[in-house]
Amino acid sequence: MTTDKNFHFLLEAISTDIIGWLIRDNGLSITEAVATWYNSGTFEKISNPDTGMYIESPAYNYDFLRRELRTGRFQG
């Protein structure tokens, strides 16, 4: 079981990578990338410790986000 502090550390680490990839891969501004990430269903799932997604790699989670952006909904 992870502590609240560890959970938030891992969530922020994932977020940093994914926001950077959104900028790189989609040409988004930092503001657009941050809004895209924090308003996504993928972020909502990762933010729930019960899903366990926060212990997966940023790349694994980015694949979920890319699929969500293509289809318009989270597919877990």
N, C-alpha and C. Protein backbone atom coordinates (compact mmCIF):
# COMPACT_ATOMS: atom_id res chain seq x y z
N MET A 1 0.85 -1.18 0.00
CA MET A 1 0.00 0.00 0.00
C MET A 1 0.89 1.24 0.00
N THR A 2 0.52 2.20 -0.76
CA THR A 2 1.33 3.41 -0.87
C THR A 2 0.79 4.49 0.06
N THR A 3 1.68 5.34 0.47
CA THR A 3 1.25 6.48 1.28
C THR A 3 0.71 7.56 0.38
N ASP A 4 -0.04 8.47 0.98
CA ASP A 4 -0.60 9.59 0.23
C ASP A 4 0.51 10.41 -0.42
N LYS A 5 1.61 10.59 0.29
CA LYS A 5 2.74 11.37 -0.24
C LYS A 5 3.34 10.68 -1.47
N ASN A 6 3.52 9.36 -1.40
CA ASN A 6 4.06 8.62 -2.54
C ASN A 6 3.11 8.65 -3.73
N PHE A 7 1.83 8.52 -3.45
CA PHE A 7 0.82 8.56 -4.51
C PHE A 7 0.90 9.88 -5.26
N HIS A 8 0.94 10.98 -4.53
CA HIS A 8 0.98 12.29 -5.18
C HIS A 8 2.30 12.51 -5.93
N PHE A 9 3.39 11.99 -5.41
CA PHE A 9 4.67 12.08 -6.10
C PHE A 9 4.60 11.35 -7.44
N LEU A 10 4.07 10.12 -7.43
CA LEU A 10 3.97 9.34 -8.66
C LEU A 10 3.02 9.98 -9.66
N LEU A 11 1.90 10.51 -9.17
CA LEU A 11 0.94 11.18 -10.04
C LEU A 11 1.57 12.40 -10.72
N GLU A 12 2.32 13.18 -9.97
CA GLU A 12 2.98 14.36 -10.54
C GLU A 12 4.05 13.97 -11.54
N ALA A 13 4.79 12.89 -11.27
CA ALA A 13 5.82 12.43 -12.20
C ALA A 13 5.20 11.99 -13.52
N ILE A 14 4.12 11.24 -13.44
CA ILE A 14 3.40 10.82 -14.65
C ILE A 14 2.89 12.04 -15.41
N SER A 15 2.29 12.97 -14.68
CA SER A 15 1.71 14.16 -15.30
C SER A 15 2.77 14.97 -16.03
N THR A 16 3.94 15.13 -15.43
CA THR A 16 5.02 15.90 -16.05
C THR A 16 5.40 15.30 -17.40
N ASP A 17 5.59 13.99 -17.43
CA ASP A 17 5.96 13.33 -18.69
C ASP A 17 4.86 13.46 -19.73
N ILE A 18 3.63 13.18 -19.32
CA ILE A 18 2.53 13.18 -20.29
C ILE A 18 2.28 14.57 -20.84
N ILE A 19 2.34 15.58 -20.02
CA ILE A 19 2.17 16.95 -20.51
C ILE A 19 3.27 17.29 -21.52
N GLY A 20 4.49 16.89 -21.25
CA GLY A 20 5.58 17.10 -22.19
C GLY A 20 5.35 16.39 -23.51
N TRP A 21 4.86 15.17 -23.44
CA TRP A 21 4.58 14.42 -24.67
C TRP A 21 3.42 15.02 -25.45
N LEU A 22 2.41 15.55 -24.77
CA LEU A 22 1.32 16.22 -25.47
C LEU A 22 1.83 17.43 -26.25
N ILE A 23 2.74 18.16 -25.64
CA ILE A 23 3.34 19.32 -26.31
C ILE A 23 4.14 18.86 -27.52
N ARG A 24 4.99 17.87 -27.32
CA ARG A 24 5.86 17.37 -28.39
C ARG A 24 5.08 16.73 -29.53
N ASP A 25 4.15 15.87 -29.21
CA ASP A 25 3.47 15.07 -30.23
C ASP A 25 2.31 15.79 -30.92
N ASN A 26 1.72 16.76 -30.26
CA ASN A 26 0.54 17.41 -30.80
C ASN A 26 0.70 18.90 -31.04
N GLY A 27 1.86 19.43 -30.73
CA GLY A 27 2.10 20.85 -30.95
C GLY A 27 1.26 21.75 -30.07
N LEU A 28 0.84 21.24 -28.92
CA LEU A 28 0.02 22.04 -28.01
C LEU A 28 0.88 23.03 -27.23
N SER A 29 0.28 24.12 -26.85
CA SER A 29 0.96 25.02 -25.91
C SER A 29 0.94 24.35 -24.54
N ILE A 30 1.73 24.85 -23.63
CA ILE A 30 1.73 24.26 -22.29
C ILE A 30 0.36 24.38 -21.63
N THR A 31 -0.30 25.50 -21.86
CA THR A 31 -1.64 25.70 -21.30
C THR A 31 -2.63 24.69 -21.86
N GLU A 32 -2.57 24.47 -23.17
CA GLU A 32 -3.46 23.49 -23.81
C GLU A 32 -3.16 22.07 -23.33
N ALA A 33 -1.87 21.75 -23.22
CA ALA A 33 -1.48 20.41 -22.78
C ALA A 33 -1.92 20.14 -21.35
N VAL A 34 -1.73 21.12 -20.48
CA VAL A 34 -2.14 20.97 -19.08
C VAL A 34 -3.65 20.77 -19.00
N ALA A 35 -4.40 21.60 -19.73
CA ALA A 35 -5.86 21.48 -19.72
C ALA A 35 -6.31 20.14 -20.29
N THR A 36 -5.69 19.70 -21.37
CA THR A 36 -6.04 18.42 -21.98
C THR A 36 -5.83 17.29 -20.99
N TRP A 37 -4.69 17.29 -20.33
CA TRP A 37 -4.36 16.22 -19.39
C TRP A 37 -5.29 16.23 -18.17
N TYR A 38 -5.39 17.37 -17.51
CA TYR A 38 -6.13 17.42 -16.25
C TYR A 38 -7.64 17.32 -16.44
N ASN A 39 -8.14 17.51 -17.65
CA ASN A 39 -9.57 17.36 -17.93
C ASN A 39 -9.91 16.02 -18.59
N SER A 40 -8.95 15.14 -18.68
CA SER A 40 -9.17 13.86 -19.36
C SER A 40 -9.72 12.79 -18.42
N GLY A 41 -10.40 11.84 -19.01
CA GLY A 41 -10.85 10.67 -18.27
C GLY A 41 -9.68 9.84 -17.79
N THR A 42 -8.59 9.84 -18.55
CA THR A 42 -7.40 9.10 -18.15
C THR A 42 -6.84 9.66 -16.85
N PHE A 43 -6.74 10.99 -16.76
CA PHE A 43 -6.25 11.59 -15.52
C PHE A 43 -7.19 11.26 -14.37
N GLU A 44 -8.48 11.28 -14.64
CA GLU A 44 -9.45 10.95 -13.59
C GLU A 44 -9.21 9.54 -13.05
N LYS A 45 -8.95 8.59 -13.95
CA LYS A 45 -8.70 7.21 -13.53
C LYS A 45 -7.39 7.08 -12.75
N ILE A 46 -6.35 7.73 -13.24
CA ILE A 46 -5.04 7.66 -12.58
C ILE A 46 -5.11 8.32 -11.21
N SER A 47 -5.94 9.33 -11.08
CA SER A 47 -6.08 10.06 -9.81
C SER A 47 -6.81 9.26 -8.74
N ASN A 48 -7.39 8.16 -9.12
CA ASN A 48 -8.07 7.29 -8.16
C ASN A 48 -7.11 6.17 -7.78
N PRO A 49 -6.59 6.19 -6.54
CA PRO A 49 -5.61 5.16 -6.15
C PRO A 49 -6.15 3.74 -6.28
N ASP A 50 -7.45 3.57 -6.21
CA ASP A 50 -8.04 2.23 -6.29
C ASP A 50 -7.83 1.57 -7.65
N THR A 51 -7.60 2.36 -8.71
CA THR A 51 -7.39 1.78 -10.04
C THR A 51 -6.00 1.17 -10.18
N GLY A 52 -5.05 1.65 -9.39
CA GLY A 52 -3.67 1.16 -9.48
C GLY A 52 -2.91 1.68 -10.69
N MET A 53 -3.54 2.54 -11.49
CA MET A 53 -2.87 3.04 -12.70
C MET A 53 -1.68 3.93 -12.39
N TYR A 54 -1.64 4.52 -11.21
CA TYR A 54 -0.55 5.42 -10.84
C TYR A 54 0.79 4.70 -10.70
N ILE A 55 0.76 3.37 -10.57
CA ILE A 55 2.03 2.64 -10.46
C ILE A 55 2.54 2.16 -11.81
N GLU A 56 1.75 2.39 -12.86
CA GLU A 56 2.19 2.05 -14.21
C GLU A 56 3.08 3.16 -14.76
N SER A 57 3.80 2.84 -15.80
CA SER A 57 4.72 3.82 -16.39
C SER A 57 3.96 4.96 -17.05
N PRO A 58 4.61 6.12 -17.16
CA PRO A 58 3.98 7.22 -17.90
C PRO A 58 3.61 6.82 -19.34
N ALA A 59 4.47 6.05 -20.00
CA ALA A 59 4.19 5.63 -21.37
C ALA A 59 2.94 4.77 -21.45
N TYR A 60 2.77 3.87 -20.51
CA TYR A 60 1.58 3.02 -20.45
C TYR A 60 0.33 3.89 -20.33
N ASN A 61 0.36 4.84 -19.43
CA ASN A 61 -0.78 5.72 -19.22
C ASN A 61 -0.99 6.67 -20.40
N TYR A 62 0.08 7.08 -21.05
CA TYR A 62 -0.04 7.95 -22.23
C TYR A 62 -0.78 7.23 -23.35
N ASP A 63 -0.58 5.93 -23.47
CA ASP A 63 -1.32 5.17 -24.48
C ASP A 63 -2.83 5.25 -24.25
N PHE A 64 -3.25 5.19 -22.98
CA PHE A 64 -4.67 5.34 -22.67
C PHE A 64 -5.16 6.73 -23.08
N LEU A 65 -4.36 7.75 -22.78
CA LEU A 65 -4.76 9.12 -23.13
C LEU A 65 -4.84 9.28 -24.65
N ARG A 66 -3.87 8.77 -25.37
CA ARG A 66 -3.91 8.89 -26.83
C ARG A 66 -5.14 8.22 -27.41
N ARG A 67 -5.49 7.06 -26.87
CA ARG A 67 -6.70 6.37 -27.31
C ARG A 67 -7.95 7.20 -26.98
N GLU A 68 -7.96 7.79 -25.79
CA GLU A 68 -9.08 8.65 -25.39
C GLU A 68 -9.20 9.85 -26.32
N LEU A 69 -8.09 10.47 -26.67
CA LEU A 69 -8.13 11.64 -27.55
C LEU A 69 -8.60 11.27 -28.95
N ARG A 70 -8.28 10.05 -29.41
CA ARG A 70 -8.73 9.60 -30.73
C ARG A 70 -10.22 9.27 -30.75
N THR A 71 -10.70 8.65 -29.67
CA THR A 71 -12.08 8.14 -29.66
C THR A 71 -13.06 9.06 -28.94
N GLY A 72 -12.54 9.95 -28.10
CA GLY A 72 -13.42 10.84 -27.35
C GLY A 72 -13.87 10.29 -26.01
N ARG A 73 -13.36 9.11 -25.63
CA ARG A 73 -13.72 8.57 -24.32
C ARG A 73 -12.64 7.65 -23.80
N PHE A 74 -12.57 7.53 -22.49
CA PHE A 74 -11.60 6.64 -21.86
C PHE A 74 -12.00 5.20 -22.12
N GLN A 75 -11.02 4.40 -22.51
CA GLN A 75 -11.28 2.98 -22.74
C GLN A 75 -10.29 2.17 -21.91
N GLY A 76 -10.73 1.74 -20.76
CA GLY A 76 -9.84 1.02 -19.85
C GLY A 76 -10.10 -0.43 -19.75
